[in-house]
C-alpha atoms as a PDB file:
ATOM      1  CA  MET A   1      -1.732  23.130  -4.190  1.00  0.00           C
ATOM      2  CA  ALA A   2       1.557  22.361  -2.502  1.00  0.00           C
ATOM      3  CA  GLN A   3       4.385  20.160  -3.698  1.00  0.00           C
ATOM      4  CA  MET A   4       4.650  17.211  -1.293  1.00  0.00           C
ATOM      5  CA  ASN A   5       6.431  13.900  -1.142  1.00  0.00           C
ATOM      6  CA  MET A   6       4.620  10.930   0.355  1.00  0.00           C
ATOM      7  CA  ILE A   7       5.872  11.582   3.892  1.00  0.00           C
ATOM      8  CA  GLN A   8       4.579  15.138   3.769  1.00  0.00           C
ATOM      9  CA  ALA A   9       1.258  14.048   2.271  1.00  0.00           C
ATOM     10  CA  LEU A  10       0.679  11.426   4.964  1.00  0.00           C
ATOM     11  CA  ASN A  11       1.626  13.935   7.648  1.00  0.00           C
ATOM     12  CA  SER A  12      -0.798  16.444   6.139  1.00  0.00           C
ATOM     13  CA  ALA A  13      -3.610  13.882   6.162  1.00  0.00           C
ATOM     14  CA  GLN A  14      -3.146  13.219   9.871  1.00  0.00           C
ATOM     15  CA  ASP A  15      -2.813  16.942  10.587  1.00  0.00           C
ATOM     16  CA  ASN A  16      -6.108  17.612   8.777  1.00  0.00           C
ATOM     17  CA  LEU A  17      -7.973  14.914  10.708  1.00  0.00           C
ATOM     18  CA  LEU A  18      -6.518  15.846  14.099  1.00  0.00           C
ATOM     19  CA  ALA A  19      -7.769  19.394  13.492  1.00  0.00           C
ATOM     20  CA  LYS A  20     -11.136  18.282  12.126  1.00  0.00           C
ATOM     21  CA  ASP A  21     -12.082  15.535  14.577  1.00  0.00           C
ATOM     22  CA  PRO A  22     -11.202  15.645  18.311  1.00  0.00           C
ATOM     23  CA  ASN A  23     -11.715  11.882  18.493  1.00  0.00           C
ATOM     24  CA  VAL A  24      -8.703  11.162  16.269  1.00  0.00           C
ATOM     25  CA  ILE A  25      -5.783   9.825  18.331  1.00  0.00           C
ATOM     26  CA  ILE A  26      -2.320   8.889  17.015  1.00  0.00           C
ATOM     27  CA  PHE A  27       0.074   6.566  18.798  1.00  0.00           C
ATOM     28  CA  GLY A  28       2.774   3.983  18.206  1.00  0.00           C
ATOM     29  CA  GLU A  29       6.465   3.387  18.756  1.00  0.00           C
ATOM     30  CA  ASP A  30       8.410   6.678  18.514  1.00  0.00           C
ATOM     31  CA  VAL A  31       5.601   8.542  16.737  1.00  0.00           C
ATOM     32  CA  GLY A  32       5.297  11.270  19.356  1.00  0.00           C
ATOM     33  CA  TYR A  33       8.345  13.285  20.371  1.00  0.00           C
ATOM     34  CA  PHE A  34      10.564  11.825  17.638  1.00  0.00           C
ATOM     35  CA  GLY A  35       7.915  12.031  14.917  1.00  0.00           C
ATOM     36  CA  GLY A  36       8.325   8.453  13.704  1.00  0.00           C
ATOM     37  CA  VAL A  37      11.299   6.611  12.255  1.00  0.00           C
ATOM     38  CA  PHE A  38      10.437   8.019   8.816  1.00  0.00           C
ATOM     39  CA  ARG A  39       9.157  11.336  10.231  1.00  0.00           C
ATOM     40  CA  VAL A  40       5.591  10.759   9.049  1.00  0.00           C
ATOM     41  CA  THR A  41       4.185  12.144  12.316  1.00  0.00           C
ATOM     42  CA  ALA A  42       6.786  14.878  12.769  1.00  0.00           C
ATOM     43  CA  GLY A  43       5.477  17.973  14.534  1.00  0.00           C
ATOM     44  CA  LEU A  44       2.058  16.554  15.360  1.00  0.00           C
ATOM     45  CA  GLN A  45       2.668  16.017  19.075  1.00  0.00           C
ATOM     46  CA  GLU A  46       4.008  19.534  19.424  1.00  0.00           C
ATOM     47  CA  LYS A  47       0.930  20.899  17.648  1.00  0.00           C
ATOM     48  CA  TYR A  48      -1.805  18.761  19.256  1.00  0.00           C
ATOM     49  CA  GLY A  49      -0.332  17.686  22.585  1.00  0.00           C
ATOM     50  CA  LYS A  50       0.784  14.484  24.258  1.00  0.00           C
ATOM     51  CA  GLN A  51      -2.757  13.265  24.935  1.00  0.00           C
ATOM     52  CA  ARG A  52      -3.562  13.010  21.232  1.00  0.00           C
ATOM     53  CA  VAL A  53      -0.170  12.055  19.753  1.00  0.00           C
ATOM     54  CA  PHE A  54       1.932   9.844  21.985  1.00  0.00           C
ATOM     55  CA  ASP A  55       4.466   7.031  22.140  1.00  0.00           C
ATOM     56  CA  SER A  56       3.531   3.465  23.002  1.00  0.00           C
ATOM     57  CA  PRO A  57       5.493   0.604  24.575  1.00  0.00           C
ATOM     58  CA  ILE A  58       7.252  -1.792  22.201  1.00  0.00           C
ATOM     59  CA  SER A  59       4.308  -4.179  21.995  1.00  0.00           C
ATOM     60  CA  GLU A  60       2.523  -4.514  18.678  1.00  0.00           C
ATOM     61  CA  GLY A  61      -0.206  -6.710  20.159  1.00  0.00           C
ATOM     62  CA  GLY A  62      -0.706  -4.149  22.901  1.00  0.00           C
ATOM     63  CA  ILE A  63      -0.908  -1.306  20.390  1.00  0.00           C
ATOM     64  CA  ILE A  64      -3.715  -2.986  18.455  1.00  0.00           C
ATOM     65  CA  ALA A  65      -5.569  -4.127  21.593  1.00  0.00           C
ATOM     66  CA  THR A  66      -5.454  -0.587  22.974  1.00  0.00           C
ATOM     67  CA  ALA A  67      -6.639   0.850  19.671  1.00  0.00           C
ATOM     68  CA  LEU A  68      -9.545  -1.604  19.611  1.00  0.00           C
ATOM     69  CA  GLY A  69     -10.647  -0.499  23.075  1.00  0.00           C
ATOM     70  CA  MET A  70     -10.406   3.122  22.053  1.00  0.00           C
ATOM     71  CA  GLY A  71     -12.413   2.509  18.897  1.00  0.00           C
ATOM     72  CA  VAL A  72     -15.208   0.742  20.748  1.00  0.00           C
ATOM     73  CA  ASN A  73     -15.454   3.735  23.056  1.00  0.00           C
ATOM     74  CA  GLY A  74     -15.834   6.383  20.380  1.00  0.00           C
ATOM     75  CA  LEU A  75     -12.288   7.352  19.432  1.00  0.00           C
ATOM     76  CA  ARG A  76     -10.648   7.018  16.009  1.00  0.00           C
ATOM     77  CA  PRO A  77      -7.139   5.729  16.684  1.00  0.00           C
ATOM     78  CA  VAL A  78      -4.454   5.865  14.014  1.00  0.00           C
ATOM     79  CA  VAL A  79      -1.630   3.567  15.035  1.00  0.00           C
ATOM     80  CA  GLU A  80       1.767   3.020  13.477  1.00  0.00           C
ATOM     81  CA  ILE A  81       3.480  -0.341  13.325  1.00  0.00           C
ATOM     82  CA  GLN A  82       7.025   0.878  12.811  1.00  0.00           C
ATOM     83  CA  PHE A  83       7.836  -1.648  10.045  1.00  0.00           C
ATOM     84  CA  SER A  84       5.392  -4.106   8.500  1.00  0.00           C
ATOM     85  CA  ASP A  85       7.921  -6.798   9.433  1.00  0.00           C
ATOM     86  CA  TYR A  86       6.909  -6.144  13.054  1.00  0.00           C
ATOM     87  CA  ILE A  87       3.189  -6.572  12.519  1.00  0.00           C
ATOM     88  CA  TYR A  88       3.089 -10.338  13.040  1.00  0.00           C
ATOM     89  CA  PRO A  89       2.900 -10.239  16.880  1.00  0.00           C
ATOM     90  CA  ALA A  90      -0.288  -8.208  16.423  1.00  0.00           C
ATOM     91  CA  PHE A  91      -1.859 -10.521  13.864  1.00  0.00           C
ATOM     92  CA  ASP A  92      -4.145 -12.329  16.297  1.00  0.00           C
ATOM     93  CA  GLN A  93      -5.509  -9.050  17.624  1.00  0.00           C
ATOM     94  CA  ILE A  94      -6.047  -7.792  14.069  1.00  0.00           C
ATOM     95  CA  ALA A  95      -7.536 -10.961  12.537  1.00  0.00           C
ATOM     96  CA  SER A  96      -9.467 -12.400  15.470  1.00  0.00           C
ATOM     97  CA  GLU A  97     -10.592  -9.289  17.319  1.00  0.00           C
ATOM     98  CA  LEU A  98     -10.353  -6.084  15.308  1.00  0.00           C
ATOM     99  CA  ALA A  99     -11.628  -7.470  11.999  1.00  0.00           C
ATOM    100  CA  LYS A 100     -14.446  -9.470  13.575  1.00  0.00           C
ATOM    101  CA  LEU A 101     -15.885  -6.942  16.018  1.00  0.00           C
ATOM    102  CA  ARG A 102     -18.761  -5.680  13.879  1.00  0.00           C
ATOM    103  CA  TYR A 103     -19.773  -9.221  12.885  1.00  0.00           C
ATOM    104  CA  ARG A 104     -19.550 -10.773  16.346  1.00  0.00           C
ATOM    105  CA  SER A 105     -21.507  -7.889  17.900  1.00  0.00           C
ATOM    106  CA  ASN A 106     -24.191  -8.017  15.178  1.00  0.00           C
ATOM    107  CA  GLY A 107     -23.430  -4.423  14.262  1.00  0.00           C
ATOM    108  CA  MET A 108     -23.616  -3.053  17.799  1.00  0.00           C
ATOM    109  CA  PHE A 109     -19.953  -2.069  17.778  1.00  0.00           C
ATOM    110  CA  SER A 110     -17.471  -0.986  15.138  1.00  0.00           C
ATOM    111  CA  ALA A 111     -13.704  -0.647  15.138  1.00  0.00           C
ATOM    112  CA  PRO A 112     -12.687   2.582  13.367  1.00  0.00           C
ATOM    113  CA  VAL A 113      -8.975   1.808  13.637  1.00  0.00           C
ATOM    114  CA  THR A 114      -6.356   2.687  11.018  1.00  0.00           C
ATOM    115  CA  ILE A 115      -3.095   0.733  11.097  1.00  0.00           C
ATOM    116  CA  ARG A 116      -0.305   2.530   9.243  1.00  0.00           C
ATOM    117  CA  THR A 117       2.814   0.521   8.445  1.00  0.00           C
ATOM    118  CA  PRO A 118       5.795   1.006   6.094  1.00  0.00           C
ATOM    119  CA  CYS A 119       6.389  -1.944   3.779  1.00  0.00           C
ATOM    120  CA  GLY A 120       8.654  -3.183   1.009  1.00  0.00           C
ATOM    121  CA  GLY A 121      12.344  -2.930   0.235  1.00  0.00           C
ATOM    122  CA  GLY A 122      14.695  -0.764  -1.731  1.00  0.00           C
ATOM    123  CA  ILE A 123      16.226   0.992   1.290  1.00  0.00           C
ATOM    124  CA  ARG A 124      18.897  -1.600   2.137  1.00  0.00           C
ATOM    125  CA  GLY A 125      16.899  -2.780   5.131  1.00  0.00           C
ATOM    126  CA  GLY A 126      17.586  -6.498   4.848  1.00  0.00           C
ATOM    127  CA  GLN A 127      15.265  -9.356   5.695  1.00  0.00           C
ATOM    128  CA  THR A 128      13.675  -7.857   8.837  1.00  0.00           C
ATOM    129  CA  HIS A 129      12.911  -4.385   7.451  1.00  0.00           C
ATOM    130  CA  SER A 130      11.797  -5.065   3.867  1.00  0.00           C
ATOM    131  CA  GLN A 131       8.844  -7.445   3.901  1.00  0.00           C
ATOM    132  CA  SER A 132       5.579  -6.989   1.989  1.00  0.00           C
ATOM    133  CA  PRO A 133       2.933  -8.950   3.926  1.00  0.00           C
ATOM    134  CA  GLU A 134      -0.142  -7.378   2.337  1.00  0.00           C
ATOM    135  CA  ALA A 135      -1.518 -10.661   0.951  1.00  0.00           C
ATOM    136  CA  ILE A 136      -1.887 -12.101   4.454  1.00  0.00           C
ATOM    137  CA  PHE A 137      -4.295  -9.327   5.419  1.00  0.00           C
ATOM    138  CA  THR A 138      -6.382  -9.583   2.244  1.00  0.00           C
ATOM    139  CA  HIS A 139      -7.292 -13.076   3.487  1.00  0.00           C
ATOM    140  CA  VAL A 140      -8.913 -11.666   6.650  1.00  0.00           C
ATOM    141  CA  ALA A 141     -12.637 -10.979   6.367  1.00  0.00           C
ATOM    142  CA  GLY A 142     -13.552  -7.661   7.941  1.00  0.00           C
ATOM    143  CA  LEU A 143     -10.447  -5.707   6.974  1.00  0.00           C
ATOM    144  CA  LYS A 144      -9.751  -3.179   4.262  1.00  0.00           C
ATOM    145  CA  VAL A 145      -6.238  -3.118   2.797  1.00  0.00           C
ATOM    146  CA  VAL A 146      -4.779  -0.059   1.074  1.00  0.00           C
ATOM    147  CA  MET A 147      -1.406   0.678  -0.570  1.00  0.00           C
ATOM    148  CA  PRO A 148      -0.936   4.007  -2.384  1.00  0.00           C
ATOM    149  CA  SER A 149       1.721   4.745  -5.001  1.00  0.00           C
ATOM    150  CA  ASN A 150       1.911   8.546  -4.953  1.00  0.00           C
ATOM    151  CA  PRO A 151       1.523  11.497  -2.550  1.00  0.00           C
ATOM    152  CA  TYR A 152      -1.910  12.651  -3.768  1.00  0.00           C
ATOM    153  CA  ASP A 153      -3.456   9.205  -3.358  1.00  0.00           C
ATOM    154  CA  ALA A 154      -1.650   8.663  -0.071  1.00  0.00           C
ATOM    155  CA  LYS A 155      -3.263  11.676   1.571  1.00  0.00           C
ATOM    156  CA  GLY A 156      -6.750  11.143   0.167  1.00  0.00           C
ATOM    157  CA  LEU A 157      -6.810   7.437   0.979  1.00  0.00           C
ATOM    158  CA  LEU A 158      -5.409   7.887   4.489  1.00  0.00           C
ATOM    159  CA  ILE A 159      -8.097  10.438   5.281  1.00  0.00           C
ATOM    160  CA  ALA A 160     -10.720   8.010   3.965  1.00  0.00           C
ATOM    161  CA  ALA A 161      -9.205   5.219   6.059  1.00  0.00           C
ATOM    162  CA  ILE A 162      -9.275   7.257   9.261  1.00  0.00           C
ATOM    163  CA  GLU A 163     -12.887   8.246   8.649  1.00  0.00           C
ATOM    164  CA  ASP A 164     -13.931   4.667   7.863  1.00  0.00           C
ATOM    165  CA  ASP A 165     -15.957   2.951  10.578  1.00  0.00           C
ATOM    166  CA  ASP A 166     -14.147  -0.357  10.025  1.00  0.00           C
ATOM    167  CA  PRO A 167     -10.469  -1.281  10.391  1.00  0.00           C
ATOM    168  CA  VAL A 168      -8.052  -0.426   7.588  1.00  0.00           C
ATOM    169  CA  VAL A 169      -4.507  -1.729   7.215  1.00  0.00           C
ATOM    170  CA  PHE A 170      -2.687   1.046   5.382  1.00  0.00           C
ATOM    171  CA  PHE A 171       0.590  -0.076   3.810  1.00  0.00           C
ATOM    172  CA  GLU A 172       3.081   2.656   2.908  1.00  0.00           C
ATOM    173  CA  PRO A 173       5.853   1.650   0.445  1.00  0.00           C
ATOM    174  CA  LYS A 174       8.885   3.085   2.169  1.00  0.00           C
ATOM    175  CA  ARG A 175      10.787   3.211  -1.129  1.00  0.00           C
ATOM    176  CA  LEU A 176       8.336   5.935  -2.179  1.00  0.00           C
ATOM    177  CA  TYR A 177       8.572   8.058   0.967  1.00  0.00           C
ATOM    178  CA  ASN A 178      11.348  10.414  -0.149  1.00  0.00           C
ATOM    179  CA  GLY A 179      12.122   9.338  -3.687  1.00  0.00           C
ATOM    180  CA  PRO A 180      15.542   8.393  -5.038  1.00  0.00           C
ATOM    181  CA  PHE A 181      18.738   8.132  -3.036  1.00  0.00           C
ATOM    182  CA  ASP A 182      21.426  10.447  -4.386  1.00  0.00           C
ATOM    183  CA  GLY A 183      24.127   8.503  -6.169  1.00  0.00           C
ATOM    184  CA  ASP A 184      22.241   5.193  -6.052  1.00  0.00           C
ATOM    185  CA  PRO A 185      23.428   3.195  -9.079  1.00  0.00           C
ATOM    186  CA  HIS A 186      20.214   1.152  -9.097  1.00  0.00           C
ATOM    187  CA  GLN A 187      17.836   4.039  -9.849  1.00  0.00           C
ATOM    188  CA  ALA A 188      17.672   3.215 -13.556  1.00  0.00           C
ATOM    189  CA  ALA A 189      17.264  -0.475 -12.828  1.00  0.00           C
ATOM    190  CA  ILE A 190      14.122   0.032 -10.765  1.00  0.00           C
ATOM    191  CA  GLY A 191      12.797   2.821 -12.968  1.00  0.00           C
ATOM    192  CA  TRP A 192      12.387   5.450 -10.316  1.00  0.00           C
ATOM    193  CA  ASN A 193      10.574   8.635 -11.201  1.00  0.00           C
ATOM    194  CA  THR A 194      13.105  11.327 -10.369  1.00  0.00           C
ATOM    195  CA  HIS A 195      10.319  13.682  -9.287  1.00  0.00           C
ATOM    196  CA  PRO A 196       9.023  12.114  -6.076  1.00  0.00           C
ATOM    197  CA  LYS A 197       6.884  15.108  -5.188  1.00  0.00           C
ATOM    198  CA  GLY A 198       3.434  15.792  -6.543  1.00  0.00           C
ATOM    199  CA  GLU A 199       0.722  18.398  -6.257  1.00  0.00           C
ATOM    200  CA  VAL A 200      -1.312  17.761  -3.107  1.00  0.00           C
ATOM    201  CA  PRO A 201      -4.003  20.031  -1.651  1.00  0.00           C
ATOM    202  CA  GLU A 202      -3.074  21.265   1.810  1.00  0.00           C
ATOM    203  CA  ASP A 203      -6.715  21.176   2.882  1.00  0.00           C
ATOM    204  CA  TYR A 204      -9.022  18.233   3.522  1.00  0.00           C
ATOM    205  CA  TYR A 205     -10.035  15.843   0.737  1.00  0.00           C
ATOM    206  CA  SER A 206     -10.623  12.117   0.548  1.00  0.00           C
ATOM    207  CA  LEU A 207     -10.542   9.365  -2.082  1.00  0.00           C
ATOM    208  CA  GLU A 208     -12.936   6.434  -2.164  1.00  0.00           C
ATOM    209  CA  ILE A 209     -11.474   3.206  -0.827  1.00  0.00           C
ATOM    210  CA  GLY A 210     -12.006   0.364  -3.291  1.00  0.00           C
ATOM    211  CA  LYS A 211     -11.394   2.210  -6.559  1.00  0.00           C
ATOM    212  CA  ALA A 212      -8.458   1.431  -8.827  1.00  0.00           C
ATOM    213  CA  GLU A 213      -7.027   3.966 -11.279  1.00  0.00           C
ATOM    214  CA  VAL A 214      -5.876   3.610 -14.867  1.00  0.00           C
ATOM    215  CA  VAL A 215      -2.604   5.525 -14.632  1.00  0.00           C
ATOM    216  CA  ARG A 216      -1.547   4.836 -18.223  1.00  0.00           C
ATOM    217  CA  PRO A 217      -4.017   4.012 -21.017  1.00  0.00           C
ATOM    218  CA  GLY A 218      -3.052   1.483 -23.671  1.00  0.00           C
ATOM    219  CA  ASN A 219      -4.290  -1.267 -25.944  1.00  0.00           C
ATOM    220  CA  ALA A 220      -1.567  -3.908 -26.283  1.00  0.00           C
ATOM    221  CA  LEU A 221      -1.901  -5.449 -22.814  1.00  0.00           C
ATOM    222  CA  THR A 222      -2.865  -4.660 -19.231  1.00  0.00           C
ATOM    223  CA  ILE A 223      -0.407  -4.445 -16.330  1.00  0.00           C
ATOM    224  CA  VAL A 224      -2.077  -4.719 -12.918  1.00  0.00           C
ATOM    225  CA  THR A 225       0.065  -3.546 -10.024  1.00  0.00           C
ATOM    226  CA  TYR A 226       0.266  -1.346  -6.924  1.00  0.00           C
ATOM    227  CA  GLY A 227       2.695   0.536  -4.683  1.00  0.00           C
ATOM    228  CA  THR A 228       6.297   0.935  -5.823  1.00  0.00           C
ATOM    229  CA  MET A 229       5.803  -1.362  -8.776  1.00  0.00           C
ATOM    230  CA  VAL A 230       3.514   1.172 -10.480  1.00  0.00           C
ATOM    231  CA  HIS A 231       6.560   3.352 -11.130  1.00  0.00           C
ATOM    232  CA  VAL A 232       8.755   0.455 -12.228  1.00  0.00           C
ATOM    233  CA  ALA A 233       6.112  -0.779 -14.670  1.00  0.00           C
ATOM    234  CA  GLU A 234       5.603   2.700 -16.100  1.00  0.00           C
ATOM    235  CA  ALA A 235       9.323   3.139 -16.649  1.00  0.00           C
ATOM    236  CA  ALA A 236       9.659  -0.300 -18.248  1.00  0.00           C
ATOM    237  CA  VAL A 237       6.939   0.085 -20.886  1.00  0.00           C
ATOM    238  CA  LYS A 238       7.866   3.702 -21.596  1.00  0.00           C
ATOM    239  CA  ALA A 239      11.498   2.772 -22.244  1.00  0.00           C
ATOM    240  CA  ALA A 240      10.444  -0.101 -24.506  1.00  0.00           C
ATOM    241  CA  GLY A 241       7.756   1.880 -26.338  1.00  0.00           C
ATOM    242  CA  ILE A 242       5.009  -0.626 -25.498  1.00  0.00           C
ATOM    243  CA  ASP A 243       1.362   0.461 -25.626  1.00  0.00           C
ATOM    244  CA  ALA A 244       0.486  -1.001 -22.240  1.00  0.00           C
ATOM    245  CA  GLU A 245      -2.406  -0.016 -20.020  1.00  0.00           C
ATOM    246  CA  ILE A 246      -1.325   0.198 -16.364  1.00  0.00           C
ATOM    247  CA  ILE A 247      -3.785  -0.121 -13.504  1.00  0.00           C
ATOM    248  CA  ASP A 248      -2.822   1.055 -10.019  1.00  0.00           C
ATOM    249  CA  LEU A 249      -5.017  -0.930  -7.629  1.00  0.00           C
ATOM    250  CA  ARG A 250      -4.583   1.556  -4.747  1.00  0.00           C
ATOM    251  CA  THR A 251      -6.896  -0.691  -2.689  1.00  0.00           C
ATOM    252  CA  LEU A 252      -6.340  -4.434  -2.492  1.00  0.00           C
ATOM    253  CA  LEU A 253      -9.386  -5.148  -0.337  1.00  0.00           C
ATOM    254  CA  PRO A 254     -12.037  -4.435  -1.486  1.00  0.00           C
ATOM    255  CA  LEU A 255     -10.697  -5.109  -4.981  1.00  0.00           C
ATOM    256  CA  ASP A 256     -11.950  -3.085  -7.942  1.00  0.00           C
ATOM    257  CA  ILE A 257     -12.305  -6.063 -10.269  1.00  0.00           C
ATOM    258  CA  ASP A 258     -14.629  -4.107 -12.572  1.00  0.00           C
ATOM    259  CA  THR A 259     -11.882  -1.684 -13.631  1.00  0.00           C
ATOM    260  CA  ILE A 260      -9.428  -4.548 -14.089  1.00  0.00           C
ATOM    261  CA  ALA A 261     -11.872  -6.672 -16.108  1.00  0.00           C
ATOM    262  CA  GLU A 262     -12.823  -3.780 -18.368  1.00  0.00           C
ATOM    263  CA  SER A 263      -9.171  -3.260 -19.244  1.00  0.00           C
ATOM    264  CA  VAL A 264      -8.262  -6.936 -19.696  1.00  0.00           C
ATOM    265  CA  ASN A 265     -11.354  -7.593 -21.802  1.00  0.00           C
ATOM    266  CA  LYS A 266     -10.192  -4.738 -24.035  1.00  0.00           C
ATOM    267  CA  THR A 267      -6.526  -5.748 -24.361  1.00  0.00           C
ATOM    268  CA  GLY A 268      -6.851  -9.543 -24.053  1.00  0.00           C
ATOM    269  CA  ARG A 269      -3.502  -9.846 -22.280  1.00  0.00           C
ATOM    270  CA  CYS A 270      -2.413  -9.271 -18.694  1.00  0.00           C
ATOM    271  CA  VAL A 271       0.720  -9.103 -16.529  1.00  0.00           C
ATOM    272  CA  VAL A 272       0.420  -8.892 -12.746  1.00  0.00           C
ATOM    273  CA  VAL A 273       3.305  -7.267 -10.848  1.00  0.00           C
ATOM    274  CA  HIS A 274       4.096  -7.027  -7.135  1.00  0.00           C
ATOM    275  CA  GLU A 275       7.163  -6.884  -4.927  1.00  0.00           C
ATOM    276  CA  ALA A 276       6.064  -9.512  -2.398  1.00  0.00           C
ATOM    277  CA  THR A 277       7.019 -13.176  -2.666  1.00  0.00           C
ATOM    278  CA  ARG A 278       5.377 -15.192  -5.427  1.00  0.00           C
ATOM    279  CA  THR A 279       3.747 -18.183  -3.719  1.00  0.00           C
ATOM    280  CA  SER A 280       0.337 -17.196  -2.313  1.00  0.00           C
ATOM    281  CA  GLY A 281       1.157 -13.575  -3.071  1.00  0.00           C
ATOM    282  CA  PHE A 282      -1.674 -11.216  -3.965  1.00  0.00           C
ATOM    283  CA  GLY A 283      -0.854 -11.769  -7.627  1.00  0.00           C
ATOM    284  CA  ALA A 284      -2.258 -15.278  -7.335  1.00  0.00           C
ATOM    285  CA  GLU A 285      -5.633 -13.910  -6.248  1.00  0.00           C
ATOM    286  CA  LEU A 286      -5.517 -11.282  -8.968  1.00  0.00           C
ATOM    287  CA  SER A 287      -4.752 -13.919 -11.594  1.00  0.00           C
ATOM    288  CA  ALA A 288      -7.637 -16.099 -10.409  1.00  0.00           C
ATOM    289  CA  GLN A 289     -10.181 -13.277 -10.422  1.00  0.00           C
ATOM    290  CA  ILE A 290      -9.009 -11.994 -13.815  1.00  0.00           C
ATOM    291  CA  GLN A 291      -9.260 -15.496 -15.274  1.00  0.00           C
ATOM    292  CA  GLU A 292     -12.768 -15.896 -13.834  1.00  0.00           C
ATOM    293  CA  SER A 293     -13.913 -12.536 -15.214  1.00  0.00           C
ATOM    294  CA  CYS A 294     -12.068 -12.455 -18.546  1.00  0.00           C
ATOM    295  CA  PHE A 295     -11.464 -16.058 -19.620  1.00  0.00           C
ATOM    296  CA  TRP A 296     -13.171 -15.819 -23.007  1.00  0.00           C
ATOM    297  CA  ARG A 297     -11.289 -12.641 -23.932  1.00  0.00           C
ATOM    298  CA  LEU A 298      -7.798 -13.700 -22.847  1.00  0.00           C
ATOM    299  CA  GLU A 299      -5.446 -14.326 -25.771  1.00  0.00           C
ATOM    300  CA  ALA A 300      -2.490 -15.527 -23.659  1.00  0.00           C
ATOM    301  CA  PRO A 301      -1.874 -16.851 -20.136  1.00  0.00           C
ATOM    302  CA  ILE A 302      -1.663 -14.280 -17.348  1.00  0.00           C
ATOM    303  CA  GLU A 303       1.944 -13.652 -16.332  1.00  0.00           C
ATOM    304  CA  ARG A 304       3.192 -12.806 -12.833  1.00  0.00           C
ATOM    305  CA  VAL A 305       6.282 -10.765 -11.948  1.00  0.00           C
ATOM    306  CA  THR A 306       7.075 -10.913  -8.233  1.00  0.00           C
ATOM    307  CA  GLY A 307       9.732 -11.128  -5.580  1.00  0.00           C
ATOM    308  CA  TRP A 308      11.416 -14.472  -5.045  1.00  0.00           C
ATOM    309  CA  ASP A 309      10.250 -17.092  -2.539  1.00  0.00           C
ATOM    310  CA  THR A 310      13.116 -16.282  -0.194  1.00  0.00           C
ATOM    311  CA  PRO A 311      13.724 -13.937   2.716  1.00  0.00           C
ATOM    312  CA  TYR A 312      14.453 -10.444   1.442  1.00  0.00           C
ATOM    313  CA  PRO A 313      18.240 -10.413   0.979  1.00  0.00           C
ATOM    314  CA  HIS A 314      20.481  -7.588   2.027  1.00  0.00           C
ATOM    315  CA  ALA A 315      23.519  -8.153  -0.170  1.00  0.00           C
ATOM    316  CA  MET A 316      21.428  -9.119  -3.238  1.00  0.00           C
ATOM    317  CA  GLU A 317      18.580  -6.663  -2.764  1.00  0.00           C
ATOM    318  CA  TRP A 318      18.400  -5.511  -6.368  1.00  0.00           C
ATOM    319  CA  ASP A 319      18.312  -9.063  -7.699  1.00  0.00           C
ATOM    320  CA  TYR A 320      15.245  -9.662  -5.552  1.00  0.00           C
ATOM    321  CA  PHE A 321      13.533  -6.374  -6.376  1.00  0.00           C
ATOM    322  CA  PRO A 322      11.419  -6.849  -9.560  1.00  0.00           C
ATOM    323  CA  GLY A 323      12.990  -4.423 -12.017  1.00  0.00           C
ATOM    324  CA  GLN A 324      12.262  -3.217 -15.516  1.00  0.00           C
ATOM    325  CA  GLN A 325      13.861  -6.153 -17.308  1.00  0.00           C
ATOM    326  CA  ARG A 326      11.833  -8.782 -15.444  1.00  0.00           C
ATOM    327  CA  ILE A 327       8.653  -6.881 -16.249  1.00  0.00           C
ATOM    328  CA  LEU A 328       9.591  -6.556 -19.916  1.00  0.00           C
ATOM    329  CA  ASP A 329      10.396 -10.266 -20.139  1.00  0.00           C
ATOM    330  CA  ALA A 330       6.868 -11.061 -18.919  1.00  0.00           C
ATOM    331  CA  VAL A 331       5.332  -8.412 -21.192  1.00  0.00           C
ATOM    332  CA  ASN A 332       7.096  -9.813 -24.260  1.00  0.00           C
ATOM    333  CA  LYS A 333       6.121 -13.366 -23.355  1.00  0.00           C
ATOM    334  CA  THR A 334       2.488 -12.292 -23.047  1.00  0.00           C
ATOM    335  CA  LEU A 335       2.542 -10.381 -26.327  1.00  0.00           C
ATOM    336  CA  GLN A 336       4.055 -13.364 -28.150  1.00  0.00           C
ATOM    337  CA  GLY A 337       1.628 -15.875 -26.633  1.00  0.00           C
ATOM    338  CA  GLY A 338      -1.805 -16.861 -27.856  1.00  0.00           C
END
């Protein structure tokens, strides 16, 4: 196995599929010659040519509409929306066309389109480069929504997404791309793992979409989270010496409620953590489903730790970003309740 960070793992996944399947096409803003703003597609155009890896106009709606047409006609497009903050102009194409194609055609057509998009904050991007809109897409019937937290999962899940016959919105937490920033005084506050690389096979492999993973076993309570917050939660409970079980969702839609319920029924207590804003965030859906599945075993109310209901601030980024202390406050409240 090779040591890869998330950028390298995602690049490797696309490299594997371009080599394996001639119908795989990659396009988006600056993904060709430049290799993407975050270099996730670096070197792929040079290796596979401009007909298979190419730049698109600055039109998110046009990118998705083009990908839909390609998918209907037998291709497997992988498109990049440069920042998830830019995905909103494409929402109608995604929600009304892409996600509904199989249903409206009674199974005659499918839309094997993968939409890659960097999400979240922690890179000093301000309000227009730091949003986490994943909850909006979990509300759309016909989509699958994925957000990995580590390089191994990122490659395996992206390969599975590209090979899926239905559309997948694949969120990539940009704070996890390269790991810590040298000299960043906030590393300890967010609990970053100082080893951003992991062992990742260079060859083809895939992971099943729709399966969560217990990344840390425990008995005192369950923390349900995904993306960057997996690392923050791990650092928080490790520093405090709390016997918490941590579940990395990996896939938000479909949701692996069975794994979550098994854990919460065992521990009797639950904290839900995500970076996105609180109101109507995915944590609300998680809390509802956990309550429905585990009501008689819960010993305390479910707690949520989230971003604030404000635009993502630039100057106060680390006050917005849910850090270790906010997670521990919720954990302690849950442990003392009931």
